[in-house]
Protein backbone atom coordinates (compact mmCIF):
# COMPACT_ATOMS: atom_id res chain seq x y z
CA MET A 1 19.09 -0.78 -7.65
CA MET A 2 15.97 -3.00 -7.98
CA SER A 3 14.03 -0.72 -5.79
CA ILE A 4 15.02 2.27 -7.89
CA GLY A 5 14.13 0.37 -11.06
CA LYS A 6 10.86 -0.73 -9.72
CA GLU A 7 10.00 2.82 -8.55
CA LEU A 8 10.82 4.18 -11.91
CA ARG A 9 9.00 1.31 -13.69
CA LEU A 10 12.12 0.37 -15.52
CA GLN A 11 13.28 -3.18 -16.45
CA VAL A 12 16.45 -4.02 -14.57
CA VAL A 13 19.19 -6.34 -16.04
CA ALA A 14 21.60 -7.98 -13.68
CA GLU A 15 25.06 -8.38 -15.19
CA GLY A 16 27.81 -10.67 -14.45
CA VAL A 17 25.70 -13.65 -13.26
CA GLU A 18 28.09 -16.67 -12.86
CA THR A 19 26.29 -19.10 -10.43
CA GLN A 20 22.85 -20.68 -9.94
CA ALA A 21 23.04 -19.27 -6.34
CA GLN A 22 23.12 -15.83 -7.78
CA VAL A 23 20.16 -16.45 -10.15
CA ASP A 24 18.16 -17.68 -7.20
CA TYR A 25 18.97 -14.64 -5.28
CA LEU A 26 18.22 -12.35 -7.98
CA GLN A 27 14.99 -14.17 -8.83
CA SER A 28 13.80 -13.68 -5.33
CA LEU A 29 14.42 -10.01 -5.58
CA GLY A 30 12.22 -9.78 -8.58
CA VAL A 31 14.90 -9.59 -11.19
CA ARG A 32 13.70 -10.93 -14.54
CA TYR A 33 16.59 -10.21 -16.84
CA VAL A 34 20.14 -11.45 -16.38
CA GLN A 35 23.39 -11.85 -18.34
CA GLY A 36 26.57 -13.51 -17.54
CA TRP A 37 28.92 -16.43 -17.91
CA LEU A 38 26.38 -18.89 -16.36
CA PHE A 39 24.31 -18.52 -19.61
CA ALA A 40 26.93 -17.84 -22.26
CA ARG A 41 30.47 -16.67 -22.76
CA ALA A 42 31.20 -13.28 -24.24
CA MET A 43 30.86 -13.54 -28.09
CA SER A 44 30.84 -11.66 -31.33
CA SER A 45 27.64 -10.58 -32.90
CA GLN A 46 27.77 -13.32 -35.42
CA ASP A 47 28.48 -15.97 -32.63
CA CYS A 48 25.47 -14.58 -30.76
CA ASP A 49 23.25 -14.96 -33.75
CA ASP A 50 24.41 -18.48 -34.10
CA TRP A 51 23.97 -19.21 -30.32
CA LEU A 52 20.51 -17.85 -30.38
CA ALA A 53 19.55 -19.89 -33.37
CA VAL A 54 20.71 -23.02 -31.60
CA ASN A 55 19.24 -22.22 -28.27
CA LEU A 56 15.90 -21.06 -29.63
CA GLU A 57 15.47 -23.79 -32.16
CA GLY A 58 12.09 -25.30 -32.30
CA ARG A 59 10.47 -22.65 -30.19
CA THR A 60 7.93 -20.40 -31.35
CA PRO A 61 8.27 -16.66 -30.59
CA GLU A 62 5.65 -16.90 -27.94
CA GLU A 63 7.38 -19.85 -26.20
CA ALA A 64 10.69 -17.94 -26.16
CA ALA A 65 9.09 -14.76 -24.84
CA ALA A 66 7.17 -16.56 -22.20
CA SER A 67 10.19 -17.39 -20.08
CA THR A 68 9.75 -15.88 -16.61
CA PHE A 69 13.55 -15.45 -16.33
CA VAL A 70 15.78 -14.71 -19.22
CA GLY A 71 18.47 -17.29 -19.56
CA LEU A 72 16.19 -20.11 -18.41
CA LEU A 73 14.63 -20.55 -21.80
């Protein structure tokens, strides 16, 4: 899927990431965007807003966007 995504110049999101080993493997493949229980549990939109507010507190938009791997903010 990464090869297809790269060929089509699409951003690929890996879902279901649960371990640091999976993060390391995906990062070695060039995956920049991930989601899964390793980073946060499933939550409502309001809980997500609250989670983001806490986890991005004190960061400028530029600092938050500068992460090379989403989830490792």
